């Protein structure tokens, strides 16, 4: 939905998630270095922002997490947010880090421009430690609830949604109005890195294997219906089903506040 994307860090992400699509795309080109991601030139970023029409919403972090640990050192995302505020450009921050809810970031987030999606792939700290080097799930949930309480446009993002890693009771107790779900899609790299049962992934589209729609609907039935539910979907017929039958905002599958 929001195709304009900006990476404040590139060619690697120290979260190094086993299920990462960007990692699978960059790894075979030898462009993935999770130990030392590249830092974008903030002057180049500003020149690009000057050419974008006010009112546009940019996604921060298309190929890498804009709030990964190196942000503590370089503050590239912090500086970029300040520039986005300056040029009146909206921004969608998608992250697996609780850092976005730190007081220093809350002070600069413009409630009229900022949209935040915090990804939770597992509700178990132990599973999380095994497959990703991001903030622990408990920390991310606290960050979501803090931002929600402060009135920001924030969502829990189950991404990718792997049912065996999720405790629905924990998800349904999170104090957040919105939840966005992105089901796992599988390619050979992810299958090599991620040790789960793939027998149900039988639908093929765009070189990825997906769960059947019926299986996805079954998983979704465990999410409380008092949430504003949205589905991020690649499979065309599945996308049409979610748009017509499930998505809270049929014109915007990301369900961002306008």
Foldseek 3Di string as FASTA:
>chain_A
DQPAEDEQWDLEALQQFLQAPLCVVNVVVVSYDHVDIHGDDLVVLLVVLVPDDAPREYEYAPNYQNPGPCCVVPVSVVSSLQSCVVSNYAYEHEHQALVCLPPVNVVSHDLVRYAYEHEDQAQDQVVSVVGTDYPGNVSSLVSQLSCVVVPHNYEYENVAHDPVRYDLVVVQPRPHQAYEYEHRWDAPSSPVRDDDDCPQQDDDDPRTTHHDLVVVVVSVVSHDPSHQYAYDDDDVVSNVCCLVPPHNDNVDSVPTDD
